[in-house]
Amino acid sequence: MDSQLYIVINANFPLGQIISKRLAQKGNTVVYLADNEQDGYAIAADEPRVRYRYCQPFNRIMIADEFDWATSNVASVDGVVVLVSESTIDQLKMPLDETYFASLRANTSGTVDELTLTYVIVPDKSEDASDALKALHLKLCQLAHSNKSVHKGLKVNHVVIGGDQYTQGSKCADVATDASDLIHYLCSEHAKAVRHQAFYFGDLIDK
């Protein structure tokens, strides 16, 4: 697959850090946006294809500025990955919604024909998190069949991580590798027809 430029917006989840590194290890360039400078610079030092930029993860003005910076100083942005926690989703609406990214793409010169937007949804630490995420996944699947708000030039998919044990600890790296493989595929020429799909990662078998 061809090299791509990704912007990863991470609200300080370990999973997002590893996904960024895995995407870079595939030969892609990653602009990593987060407000934890220590972790951000550590990732960039460990993986030269990652460029860390300080950014508050839900600050729309800052993200727009970094989108412009990436387009002007690196290349056209092929894909955006947004990590969000389940509790920040309101009635299936993401804290950074599709309309916002469609506007970013429309207002930025030199953009690609179609921007791939992937939401990675991580669980909150609670006993019923797994059931809540399964219910969310089913709702997102239904949305895929009735989506009326398709923005031109924007391809959207969702990846739901089914348990907090997959977002940290020993299983996190395996899940991040699988997630980055999927994200890279969704952004490729081979997945033009894959849009508004919801993927569920769960029940990882211990080796």
N, C-alpha and C. Protein backbone atom coordinates (compact mmCIF):
# COMPACT_ATOMS: atom_id res chain seq x y z
N MET A 1 0.84 -1.20 0.00
CA MET A 1 0.00 0.00 0.00
C MET A 1 0.87 1.25 0.00
N ASP A 2 0.38 2.30 -0.63
CA ASP A 2 1.14 3.54 -0.72
C ASP A 2 1.26 4.20 0.65
N SER A 3 2.32 5.02 0.77
CA SER A 3 2.51 5.79 2.00
C SER A 3 1.44 6.87 2.10
N GLN A 4 0.96 7.10 3.31
CA GLN A 4 -0.10 8.07 3.55
C GLN A 4 0.34 9.06 4.62
N LEU A 5 -0.36 10.18 4.69
CA LEU A 5 -0.17 11.13 5.79
C LEU A 5 -1.40 11.08 6.68
N TYR A 6 -1.18 10.75 7.94
CA TYR A 6 -2.26 10.68 8.91
C TYR A 6 -2.11 11.76 9.96
N ILE A 7 -3.24 12.30 10.39
CA ILE A 7 -3.29 13.10 11.61
C ILE A 7 -3.99 12.24 12.65
N VAL A 8 -3.33 12.02 13.77
CA VAL A 8 -3.91 11.26 14.88
C VAL A 8 -4.19 12.22 16.02
N ILE A 9 -5.45 12.31 16.42
CA ILE A 9 -5.87 13.18 17.53
C ILE A 9 -6.13 12.28 18.73
N ASN A 10 -5.30 12.40 19.74
CA ASN A 10 -5.34 11.46 20.86
C ASN A 10 -5.51 12.18 22.19
N ALA A 11 -6.53 11.79 22.93
CA ALA A 11 -6.77 12.37 24.26
C ALA A 11 -6.02 11.56 25.32
N ASN A 12 -4.72 11.37 25.08
CA ASN A 12 -3.82 10.73 26.04
C ASN A 12 -4.18 9.29 26.37
N PHE A 13 -4.59 8.54 25.36
CA PHE A 13 -4.81 7.11 25.53
C PHE A 13 -3.57 6.36 25.06
N PRO A 14 -3.05 5.41 25.87
CA PRO A 14 -1.90 4.62 25.42
C PRO A 14 -2.15 3.94 24.07
N LEU A 15 -3.38 3.52 23.84
CA LEU A 15 -3.70 2.87 22.57
C LEU A 15 -3.42 3.80 21.39
N GLY A 16 -3.76 5.07 21.53
CA GLY A 16 -3.53 6.03 20.46
C GLY A 16 -2.06 6.26 20.18
N GLN A 17 -1.25 6.20 21.23
CA GLN A 17 0.19 6.36 21.06
C GLN A 17 0.76 5.22 20.24
N ILE A 18 0.33 3.99 20.56
CA ILE A 18 0.87 2.83 19.85
C ILE A 18 0.33 2.77 18.42
N ILE A 19 -0.94 3.12 18.22
CA ILE A 19 -1.48 3.16 16.86
C ILE A 19 -0.67 4.12 15.99
N SER A 20 -0.30 5.27 16.54
CA SER A 20 0.50 6.24 15.79
C SER A 20 1.84 5.66 15.37
N LYS A 21 2.49 4.96 16.30
CA LYS A 21 3.79 4.36 15.99
C LYS A 21 3.65 3.25 14.95
N ARG A 22 2.60 2.46 15.08
CA ARG A 22 2.39 1.36 14.13
C ARG A 22 2.11 1.89 12.72
N LEU A 23 1.33 2.94 12.63
CA LEU A 23 1.07 3.54 11.31
C LEU A 23 2.36 4.06 10.70
N ALA A 24 3.20 4.67 11.51
CA ALA A 24 4.48 5.19 11.02
C ALA A 24 5.41 4.06 10.59
N GLN A 25 5.38 2.95 11.32
CA GLN A 25 6.24 1.81 10.98
C GLN A 25 5.85 1.15 9.67
N LYS A 26 4.67 1.46 9.16
CA LYS A 26 4.25 0.96 7.85
C LYS A 26 4.76 1.85 6.72
N GLY A 27 5.54 2.88 7.06
CA GLY A 27 6.07 3.78 6.05
C GLY A 27 5.27 5.04 5.87
N ASN A 28 4.26 5.24 6.71
CA ASN A 28 3.44 6.45 6.65
C ASN A 28 4.06 7.57 7.48
N THR A 29 3.62 8.78 7.22
CA THR A 29 3.96 9.92 8.07
C THR A 29 2.77 10.22 8.96
N VAL A 30 3.04 10.45 10.25
CA VAL A 30 1.97 10.69 11.21
C VAL A 30 2.21 12.02 11.92
N VAL A 31 1.22 12.89 11.88
CA VAL A 31 1.23 14.10 12.70
C VAL A 31 0.39 13.79 13.93
N TYR A 32 1.06 13.71 15.07
CA TYR A 32 0.43 13.26 16.31
C TYR A 32 0.05 14.47 17.15
N LEU A 33 -1.26 14.65 17.38
CA LEU A 33 -1.76 15.79 18.14
C LEU A 33 -2.22 15.35 19.52
N ALA A 34 -1.63 15.93 20.55
CA ALA A 34 -2.01 15.63 21.93
C ALA A 34 -1.45 16.73 22.82
N ASP A 35 -1.96 16.81 24.05
CA ASP A 35 -1.49 17.87 24.94
C ASP A 35 -0.53 17.37 26.02
N ASN A 36 -0.07 16.12 25.89
CA ASN A 36 0.96 15.60 26.79
C ASN A 36 2.30 15.67 26.05
N GLU A 37 3.05 16.73 26.32
CA GLU A 37 4.29 16.96 25.57
C GLU A 37 5.33 15.89 25.83
N GLN A 38 5.42 15.41 27.06
CA GLN A 38 6.43 14.41 27.39
C GLN A 38 6.23 13.14 26.57
N ASP A 39 5.01 12.64 26.54
CA ASP A 39 4.72 11.44 25.75
C ASP A 39 4.85 11.72 24.25
N GLY A 40 4.39 12.89 23.83
CA GLY A 40 4.44 13.23 22.41
C GLY A 40 5.85 13.26 21.86
N TYR A 41 6.73 13.95 22.56
CA TYR A 41 8.12 14.02 22.09
C TYR A 41 8.83 12.68 22.21
N ALA A 42 8.43 11.87 23.19
CA ALA A 42 9.03 10.54 23.34
C ALA A 42 8.66 9.65 22.15
N ILE A 43 7.41 9.73 21.71
CA ILE A 43 6.98 8.96 20.54
C ILE A 43 7.73 9.41 19.30
N ALA A 44 7.87 10.72 19.12
CA ALA A 44 8.57 11.26 17.96
C ALA A 44 10.05 10.86 17.96
N ALA A 45 10.65 10.81 19.15
CA ALA A 45 12.05 10.41 19.25
C ALA A 45 12.22 8.93 18.94
N ASP A 46 11.23 8.14 19.29
CA ASP A 46 11.29 6.70 19.09
C ASP A 46 10.98 6.31 17.65
N GLU A 47 10.13 7.10 16.99
CA GLU A 47 9.72 6.79 15.62
C GLU A 47 9.83 8.06 14.77
N PRO A 48 10.88 8.16 13.93
CA PRO A 48 11.15 9.40 13.18
C PRO A 48 10.02 9.84 12.25
N ARG A 49 9.16 8.94 11.83
CA ARG A 49 8.06 9.32 10.93
C ARG A 49 6.88 9.95 11.67
N VAL A 50 6.97 10.00 12.99
CA VAL A 50 5.93 10.66 13.78
C VAL A 50 6.38 12.09 14.09
N ARG A 51 5.54 13.05 13.81
CA ARG A 51 5.81 14.45 14.14
C ARG A 51 4.81 14.88 15.22
N TYR A 52 5.33 15.19 16.37
CA TYR A 52 4.45 15.60 17.46
C TYR A 52 4.17 17.09 17.39
N ARG A 53 2.89 17.43 17.59
CA ARG A 53 2.47 18.83 17.65
C ARG A 53 1.56 18.98 18.87
N TYR A 54 1.88 19.95 19.70
CA TYR A 54 1.05 20.19 20.88
C TYR A 54 -0.33 20.69 20.44
N CYS A 55 -1.37 20.04 20.95
CA CYS A 55 -2.73 20.43 20.59
C CYS A 55 -3.70 19.84 21.61
N GLN A 56 -4.60 20.66 22.09
CA GLN A 56 -5.65 20.15 22.96
C GLN A 56 -6.61 19.33 22.10
N PRO A 57 -6.90 18.09 22.48
CA PRO A 57 -7.56 17.14 21.57
C PRO A 57 -8.96 17.49 21.11
N PHE A 58 -9.66 18.40 21.82
CA PHE A 58 -11.01 18.77 21.37
C PHE A 58 -11.13 20.26 21.10
N ASN A 59 -9.99 20.92 20.92
CA ASN A 59 -9.99 22.34 20.61
C ASN A 59 -10.03 22.50 19.09
N ARG A 60 -11.18 22.88 18.58
CA ARG A 60 -11.39 22.91 17.13
C ARG A 60 -10.50 23.92 16.42
N ILE A 61 -10.25 25.04 17.06
CA ILE A 61 -9.40 26.06 16.43
C ILE A 61 -7.96 25.55 16.32
N MET A 62 -7.46 24.94 17.39
CA MET A 62 -6.09 24.41 17.36
C MET A 62 -5.96 23.29 16.33
N ILE A 63 -6.94 22.42 16.27
CA ILE A 63 -6.89 21.32 15.31
C ILE A 63 -6.91 21.85 13.88
N ALA A 64 -7.73 22.86 13.63
CA ALA A 64 -7.78 23.46 12.29
C ALA A 64 -6.43 24.06 11.92
N ASP A 65 -5.77 24.71 12.88
CA ASP A 65 -4.44 25.27 12.63
C ASP A 65 -3.43 24.18 12.29
N GLU A 66 -3.51 23.05 13.01
CA GLU A 66 -2.57 21.96 12.76
C GLU A 66 -2.86 21.26 11.44
N PHE A 67 -4.12 21.20 11.06
CA PHE A 67 -4.49 20.65 9.76
C PHE A 67 -3.87 21.50 8.65
N ASP A 68 -3.97 22.81 8.80
CA ASP A 68 -3.36 23.73 7.82
C ASP A 68 -1.85 23.57 7.82
N TRP A 69 -1.26 23.44 9.02
CA TRP A 69 0.20 23.29 9.11
C TRP A 69 0.66 22.02 8.40
N ALA A 70 -0.04 20.92 8.64
CA ALA A 70 0.34 19.65 8.03
C ALA A 70 0.24 19.72 6.51
N THR A 71 -0.84 20.32 6.02
CA THR A 71 -1.04 20.43 4.58
C THR A 71 0.01 21.33 3.93
N SER A 72 0.39 22.39 4.62
CA SER A 72 1.35 23.35 4.07
C SER A 72 2.79 22.87 4.18
N ASN A 73 3.12 22.14 5.25
CA ASN A 73 4.52 21.81 5.54
C ASN A 73 4.89 20.35 5.35
N VAL A 74 3.90 19.47 5.24
CA VAL A 74 4.22 18.05 5.10
C VAL A 74 3.66 17.53 3.77
N ALA A 75 2.36 17.37 3.69
CA ALA A 75 1.71 16.88 2.47
C ALA A 75 0.20 16.97 2.66
N SER A 76 -0.53 16.59 1.63
CA SER A 76 -1.98 16.52 1.76
C SER A 76 -2.34 15.43 2.77
N VAL A 77 -3.31 15.70 3.60
CA VAL A 77 -3.72 14.75 4.63
C VAL A 77 -4.62 13.69 4.00
N ASP A 78 -4.22 12.42 4.15
CA ASP A 78 -5.02 11.32 3.60
C ASP A 78 -6.04 10.80 4.60
N GLY A 79 -5.64 10.74 5.87
CA GLY A 79 -6.52 10.16 6.87
C GLY A 79 -6.42 10.86 8.21
N VAL A 80 -7.53 10.90 8.92
CA VAL A 80 -7.58 11.44 10.28
C VAL A 80 -8.09 10.34 11.20
N VAL A 81 -7.39 10.14 12.30
CA VAL A 81 -7.79 9.16 13.31
C VAL A 81 -8.08 9.91 14.60
N VAL A 82 -9.28 9.73 15.13
CA VAL A 82 -9.68 10.42 16.35
C VAL A 82 -10.01 9.38 17.41
N LEU A 83 -9.30 9.44 18.54
CA LEU A 83 -9.60 8.56 19.66
C LEU A 83 -10.54 9.27 20.62
N VAL A 84 -11.66 8.63 20.90
CA VAL A 84 -12.65 9.21 21.80
C VAL A 84 -13.10 8.17 22.81
N SER A 85 -13.44 8.60 24.00
CA SER A 85 -13.99 7.69 25.00
C SER A 85 -15.49 7.58 24.83
N GLU A 86 -16.03 6.46 25.23
CA GLU A 86 -17.46 6.19 25.05
C GLU A 86 -18.33 7.25 25.71
N SER A 87 -17.88 7.78 26.85
CA SER A 87 -18.69 8.73 27.61
C SER A 87 -18.81 10.09 26.92
N THR A 88 -17.92 10.39 25.95
CA THR A 88 -17.97 11.69 25.28
C THR A 88 -18.89 11.69 24.07
N ILE A 89 -19.49 10.55 23.76
CA ILE A 89 -20.38 10.43 22.60
C ILE A 89 -21.81 10.71 23.05
N ASP A 90 -22.46 11.63 22.37
CA ASP A 90 -23.81 12.04 22.73
C ASP A 90 -24.78 11.70 21.60
N GLN A 91 -25.64 10.70 21.84
CA GLN A 91 -26.63 10.30 20.82
C GLN A 91 -25.96 9.99 19.47
N LEU A 92 -24.90 9.22 19.54
CA LEU A 92 -24.11 8.80 18.38
C LEU A 92 -23.30 9.94 17.75
N LYS A 93 -23.36 11.13 18.32
CA LYS A 93 -22.59 12.26 17.80
C LYS A 93 -21.24 12.32 18.50
N MET A 94 -20.19 12.34 17.70
CA MET A 94 -18.84 12.38 18.23
C MET A 94 -18.50 13.80 18.71
N PRO A 95 -17.59 13.92 19.70
CA PRO A 95 -17.21 15.26 20.17
C PRO A 95 -16.60 16.13 19.07
N LEU A 96 -15.92 15.50 18.13
CA LEU A 96 -15.47 16.16 16.90
C LEU A 96 -16.23 15.47 15.77
N ASP A 97 -17.28 16.10 15.28
CA ASP A 97 -18.18 15.40 14.38
C ASP A 97 -17.75 15.48 12.92
N GLU A 98 -18.47 14.74 12.09
CA GLU A 98 -18.14 14.66 10.67
C GLU A 98 -18.21 16.02 9.98
N THR A 99 -19.20 16.81 10.37
CA THR A 99 -19.37 18.13 9.75
C THR A 99 -18.13 19.00 9.93
N TYR A 100 -17.52 18.90 11.11
CA TYR A 100 -16.31 19.68 11.39
C TYR A 100 -15.19 19.30 10.44
N PHE A 101 -14.96 18.00 10.28
CA PHE A 101 -13.86 17.56 9.42
C PHE A 101 -14.17 17.80 7.94
N ALA A 102 -15.43 17.71 7.56
CA ALA A 102 -15.81 18.05 6.18
C ALA A 102 -15.50 19.52 5.90
N SER A 103 -15.75 20.37 6.89
CA SER A 103 -15.44 21.79 6.75
C SER A 103 -13.94 22.03 6.67
N LEU A 104 -13.17 21.31 7.49
CA LEU A 104 -11.71 21.44 7.43
C LEU A 104 -11.20 21.09 6.04
N ARG A 105 -11.69 19.99 5.51
CA ARG A 105 -11.24 19.56 4.20
C ARG A 105 -11.61 20.58 3.13
N ALA A 106 -12.83 21.10 3.20
CA ALA A 106 -13.31 22.05 2.19
C ALA A 106 -12.56 23.37 2.22
N ASN A 107 -12.08 23.75 3.41
CA ASN A 107 -11.43 25.05 3.57
C ASN A 107 -9.91 24.99 3.49
N THR A 108 -9.38 23.82 3.18
CA THR A 108 -7.93 23.66 3.10
C THR A 108 -7.53 23.38 1.66
N SER A 109 -6.58 24.13 1.15
CA SER A 109 -6.12 23.92 -0.22
C SER A 109 -5.22 22.70 -0.29
N GLY A 110 -5.20 22.07 -1.45
CA GLY A 110 -4.32 20.94 -1.67
C GLY A 110 -4.76 19.67 -0.98
N THR A 111 -6.06 19.51 -0.73
CA THR A 111 -6.53 18.31 -0.06
C THR A 111 -6.73 17.18 -1.05
N VAL A 112 -6.82 15.97 -0.52
CA VAL A 112 -7.05 14.79 -1.36
C VAL A 112 -8.51 14.77 -1.79
N ASP A 113 -8.80 13.92 -2.79
CA ASP A 113 -10.18 13.84 -3.30
C ASP A 113 -11.15 13.39 -2.21
N GLU A 114 -10.68 12.48 -1.36
CA GLU A 114 -11.54 11.97 -0.29
C GLU A 114 -10.70 11.76 0.97
N LEU A 115 -11.12 12.40 2.04
CA LEU A 115 -10.44 12.28 3.33
C LEU A 115 -11.06 11.13 4.11
N THR A 116 -10.21 10.23 4.60
CA THR A 116 -10.70 9.10 5.40
C THR A 116 -10.66 9.47 6.87
N LEU A 117 -11.81 9.40 7.52
CA LEU A 117 -11.94 9.73 8.94
C LEU A 117 -12.31 8.47 9.70
N THR A 118 -11.47 8.09 10.66
CA THR A 118 -11.72 6.89 11.46
C THR A 118 -11.79 7.27 12.93
N TYR A 119 -12.92 6.97 13.54
CA TYR A 119 -13.07 7.16 14.98
C TYR A 119 -12.72 5.85 15.69
N VAL A 120 -11.80 5.92 16.64
CA VAL A 120 -11.49 4.77 17.48
C VAL A 120 -12.11 5.04 18.85
N ILE A 121 -13.10 4.25 19.20
CA ILE A 121 -13.87 4.48 20.42
C ILE A 121 -13.37 3.55 21.51
N VAL A 122 -12.91 4.12 22.61
CA VAL A 122 -12.35 3.34 23.71
C VAL A 122 -13.31 3.37 24.90
N PRO A 123 -13.28 2.32 25.73
CA PRO A 123 -14.23 2.23 26.84
C PRO A 123 -13.84 3.08 28.03
N ASP A 124 -14.85 3.42 28.81
CA ASP A 124 -14.61 4.00 30.13
C ASP A 124 -14.40 2.84 31.10
N LYS A 125 -13.73 3.13 32.19
CA LYS A 125 -13.47 2.08 33.18
C LYS A 125 -14.70 1.89 34.07
N SER A 126 -15.54 0.96 33.69
CA SER A 126 -16.72 0.64 34.49
C SER A 126 -17.13 -0.79 34.22
N GLU A 127 -17.88 -1.37 35.13
CA GLU A 127 -18.25 -2.77 35.01
C GLU A 127 -19.15 -3.03 33.81
N ASP A 128 -19.98 -2.05 33.47
CA ASP A 128 -20.91 -2.25 32.36
C ASP A 128 -20.40 -1.65 31.05
N ALA A 129 -19.11 -1.31 31.00
CA ALA A 129 -18.56 -0.68 29.80
C ALA A 129 -18.68 -1.59 28.59
N SER A 130 -18.41 -2.88 28.77
CA SER A 130 -18.46 -3.81 27.65
C SER A 130 -19.86 -3.88 27.04
N ASP A 131 -20.88 -3.98 27.88
CA ASP A 131 -22.26 -4.04 27.38
C ASP A 131 -22.63 -2.73 26.68
N ALA A 132 -22.20 -1.61 27.26
CA ALA A 132 -22.51 -0.31 26.66
C ALA A 132 -21.86 -0.18 25.29
N LEU A 133 -20.64 -0.67 25.15
CA LEU A 133 -19.95 -0.58 23.87
C LEU A 133 -20.56 -1.50 22.83
N LYS A 134 -21.02 -2.66 23.26
CA LYS A 134 -21.70 -3.55 22.32
C LYS A 134 -22.98 -2.90 21.80
N ALA A 135 -23.72 -2.26 22.70
CA ALA A 135 -24.94 -1.56 22.29
C ALA A 135 -24.62 -0.41 21.34
N LEU A 136 -23.54 0.32 21.65
CA LEU A 136 -23.12 1.42 20.78
C LEU A 136 -22.74 0.90 19.40
N HIS A 137 -22.02 -0.21 19.37
CA HIS A 137 -21.61 -0.79 18.09
C HIS A 137 -22.82 -1.15 17.24
N LEU A 138 -23.84 -1.75 17.85
CA LEU A 138 -25.04 -2.12 17.10
C LEU A 138 -25.75 -0.89 16.55
N LYS A 139 -25.79 0.19 17.33
CA LYS A 139 -26.42 1.42 16.86
C LYS A 139 -25.64 2.02 15.69
N LEU A 140 -24.31 1.94 15.77
CA LEU A 140 -23.49 2.45 14.67
C LEU A 140 -23.69 1.60 13.41
N CYS A 141 -23.88 0.29 13.59
CA CYS A 141 -24.16 -0.58 12.44
C CYS A 141 -25.47 -0.20 11.78
N GLN A 142 -26.49 0.08 12.59
CA GLN A 142 -27.77 0.52 12.05
C GLN A 142 -27.63 1.84 11.31
N LEU A 143 -26.80 2.72 11.86
CA LEU A 143 -26.58 4.02 11.23
C LEU A 143 -25.96 3.86 9.85
N ALA A 144 -25.16 2.82 9.68
CA ALA A 144 -24.51 2.59 8.39
C ALA A 144 -25.53 2.34 7.28
N HIS A 145 -26.70 1.80 7.65
CA HIS A 145 -27.72 1.48 6.65
C HIS A 145 -28.71 2.61 6.44
N SER A 146 -28.67 3.61 7.30
CA SER A 146 -29.65 4.69 7.19
C SER A 146 -29.01 6.06 7.20
N ASN A 147 -27.71 6.10 6.88
CA ASN A 147 -27.00 7.37 6.98
C ASN A 147 -27.46 8.33 5.91
N LYS A 148 -27.94 9.47 6.36
CA LYS A 148 -28.43 10.50 5.43
C LYS A 148 -27.49 11.71 5.35
N SER A 149 -26.51 11.74 6.24
CA SER A 149 -25.63 12.92 6.30
C SER A 149 -24.26 12.61 5.73
N VAL A 150 -24.25 12.17 4.48
CA VAL A 150 -22.99 11.84 3.83
C VAL A 150 -22.36 13.12 3.29
N HIS A 151 -21.18 13.43 3.79
CA HIS A 151 -20.49 14.64 3.35
C HIS A 151 -19.59 14.31 2.17
N LYS A 152 -19.70 15.10 1.13
CA LYS A 152 -18.88 14.89 -0.05
C LYS A 152 -17.41 15.03 0.30
N GLY A 153 -16.62 14.07 -0.19
CA GLY A 153 -15.18 14.12 0.05
C GLY A 153 -14.75 13.59 1.39
N LEU A 154 -15.65 12.92 2.12
CA LEU A 154 -15.33 12.42 3.45
C LEU A 154 -15.83 10.98 3.58
N LYS A 155 -14.93 10.08 3.96
CA LYS A 155 -15.28 8.68 4.18
C LYS A 155 -15.09 8.36 5.66
N VAL A 156 -16.16 7.93 6.32
CA VAL A 156 -16.14 7.78 7.77
C VAL A 156 -16.36 6.33 8.17
N ASN A 157 -15.54 5.84 9.12
CA ASN A 157 -15.73 4.52 9.70
C ASN A 157 -15.45 4.60 11.20
N HIS A 158 -15.92 3.59 11.93
CA HIS A 158 -15.76 3.54 13.38
C HIS A 158 -15.11 2.22 13.79
N VAL A 159 -14.20 2.31 14.74
CA VAL A 159 -13.59 1.12 15.34
C VAL A 159 -13.88 1.17 16.83
N VAL A 160 -14.63 0.19 17.32
CA VAL A 160 -15.02 0.15 18.73
C VAL A 160 -14.14 -0.87 19.45
N ILE A 161 -13.45 -0.42 20.50
CA ILE A 161 -12.59 -1.30 21.29
C ILE A 161 -13.42 -1.82 22.47
N GLY A 162 -13.58 -3.15 22.56
CA GLY A 162 -14.60 -3.71 23.42
C GLY A 162 -14.29 -3.88 24.89
N GLY A 163 -13.14 -3.47 25.38
CA GLY A 163 -12.87 -3.60 26.81
C GLY A 163 -11.65 -2.80 27.20
N ASP A 164 -11.65 -2.26 28.44
CA ASP A 164 -10.53 -1.40 28.83
C ASP A 164 -9.24 -2.19 28.97
N GLN A 165 -9.32 -3.53 29.08
CA GLN A 165 -8.09 -4.33 29.14
C GLN A 165 -7.34 -4.30 27.82
N TYR A 166 -8.02 -3.82 26.76
CA TYR A 166 -7.38 -3.74 25.45
C TYR A 166 -6.76 -2.37 25.18
N THR A 167 -6.98 -1.42 26.07
CA THR A 167 -6.47 -0.07 25.85
C THR A 167 -5.23 0.22 26.68
N GLN A 168 -4.81 -0.75 27.47
CA GLN A 168 -3.60 -0.59 28.28
C GLN A 168 -3.09 -1.97 28.65
N GLY A 169 -1.86 -2.06 29.10
CA GLY A 169 -1.31 -3.34 29.52
C GLY A 169 -0.83 -4.19 28.36
N SER A 170 -0.70 -5.50 28.61
CA SER A 170 -0.04 -6.40 27.66
C SER A 170 -0.83 -6.58 26.37
N LYS A 171 -2.15 -6.48 26.42
CA LYS A 171 -2.96 -6.70 25.22
C LYS A 171 -3.07 -5.45 24.34
N CYS A 172 -2.68 -4.32 24.88
CA CYS A 172 -2.85 -3.06 24.16
C CYS A 172 -2.06 -3.05 22.85
N ALA A 173 -0.83 -3.54 22.89
CA ALA A 173 0.01 -3.52 21.70
C ALA A 173 -0.58 -4.36 20.58
N ASP A 174 -1.14 -5.54 20.93
CA ASP A 174 -1.75 -6.40 19.91
C ASP A 174 -2.96 -5.73 19.28
N VAL A 175 -3.80 -5.12 20.12
CA VAL A 175 -4.99 -4.45 19.61
C VAL A 175 -4.60 -3.25 18.75
N ALA A 176 -3.58 -2.50 19.19
CA ALA A 176 -3.12 -1.34 18.43
C ALA A 176 -2.58 -1.76 17.06
N THR A 177 -1.88 -2.88 17.01
CA THR A 177 -1.37 -3.38 15.74
C THR A 177 -2.51 -3.73 14.79
N ASP A 178 -3.50 -4.46 15.31
CA ASP A 178 -4.65 -4.82 14.48
C ASP A 178 -5.42 -3.58 14.04
N ALA A 179 -5.60 -2.64 14.96
CA ALA A 179 -6.34 -1.41 14.63
C ALA A 179 -5.61 -0.60 13.57
N SER A 180 -4.29 -0.50 13.69
CA SER A 180 -3.53 0.27 12.70
C SER A 180 -3.57 -0.40 11.33
N ASP A 181 -3.55 -1.74 11.31
CA ASP A 181 -3.69 -2.46 10.03
C ASP A 181 -5.03 -2.12 9.38
N LEU A 182 -6.08 -2.13 10.19
CA LEU A 182 -7.42 -1.83 9.67
C LEU A 182 -7.51 -0.38 9.19
N ILE A 183 -6.99 0.54 9.98
CA ILE A 183 -7.03 1.97 9.62
C ILE A 183 -6.28 2.22 8.31
N HIS A 184 -5.11 1.59 8.19
CA HIS A 184 -4.32 1.77 6.97
C HIS A 184 -5.06 1.21 5.76
N TYR A 185 -5.73 0.08 5.94
CA TYR A 185 -6.52 -0.49 4.84
C TYR A 185 -7.68 0.43 4.46
N LEU A 186 -8.38 0.96 5.46
CA LEU A 186 -9.53 1.82 5.20
C LEU A 186 -9.14 3.08 4.43
N CYS A 187 -7.88 3.49 4.59
CA CYS A 187 -7.40 4.71 3.93
C CYS A 187 -6.80 4.42 2.55
N SER A 188 -6.78 3.15 2.17
CA SER A 188 -6.12 2.77 0.93
C SER A 188 -7.08 2.79 -0.25
N GLU A 189 -6.52 2.63 -1.43
CA GLU A 189 -7.31 2.56 -2.66
C GLU A 189 -8.16 1.29 -2.71
N HIS A 190 -7.80 0.30 -1.88
CA HIS A 190 -8.51 -0.98 -1.90
C HIS A 190 -9.82 -0.93 -1.14
N ALA A 191 -10.08 0.16 -0.42
CA ALA A 191 -11.27 0.23 0.44
C ALA A 191 -12.18 1.39 0.06
N LYS A 192 -12.25 1.71 -1.21
CA LYS A 192 -13.06 2.86 -1.64
C LYS A 192 -14.54 2.69 -1.28
N ALA A 193 -15.02 1.45 -1.30
CA ALA A 193 -16.45 1.22 -1.04
C ALA A 193 -16.74 0.95 0.44
N VAL A 194 -15.71 0.94 1.27
CA VAL A 194 -15.91 0.66 2.70
C VAL A 194 -16.08 1.99 3.42
N ARG A 195 -17.31 2.29 3.79
CA ARG A 195 -17.60 3.57 4.44
C ARG A 195 -18.81 3.40 5.36
N HIS A 196 -18.82 4.21 6.40
CA HIS A 196 -19.87 4.15 7.42
C HIS A 196 -20.05 2.73 7.97
N GLN A 197 -18.91 2.07 8.17
CA GLN A 197 -18.91 0.75 8.79
C GLN A 197 -18.44 0.87 10.24
N ALA A 198 -18.90 -0.06 11.07
CA ALA A 198 -18.51 -0.08 12.48
C ALA A 198 -17.87 -1.42 12.79
N PHE A 199 -16.61 -1.39 13.17
CA PHE A 199 -15.85 -2.60 13.48
C PHE A 199 -15.73 -2.73 15.00
N TYR A 200 -15.84 -3.97 15.49
CA TYR A 200 -15.80 -4.20 16.93
C TYR A 200 -14.62 -5.10 17.27
N PHE A 201 -13.75 -4.62 18.17
CA PHE A 201 -12.61 -5.40 18.63
C PHE A 201 -12.91 -5.90 20.04
N GLY A 202 -13.01 -7.21 20.18
CA GLY A 202 -13.28 -7.75 21.51
C GLY A 202 -12.93 -9.22 21.57
N ASP A 203 -12.99 -9.77 22.79
CA ASP A 203 -12.76 -11.20 23.02
C ASP A 203 -11.41 -11.65 22.47
N LEU A 204 -10.37 -10.93 22.83
CA LEU A 204 -9.02 -11.30 22.41
C LEU A 204 -8.60 -12.56 23.15
N ILE A 205 -8.18 -13.57 22.42
CA ILE A 205 -7.82 -14.85 23.01
C ILE A 205 -6.40 -14.78 23.55
N ASP A 206 -6.21 -15.20 24.80
CA ASP A 206 -4.88 -15.23 25.39
C ASP A 206 -4.03 -16.29 24.71
N LYS A 207 -2.77 -15.93 24.49
CA LYS A 207 -1.85 -16.87 23.84
C LYS A 207 -1.24 -17.80 24.89
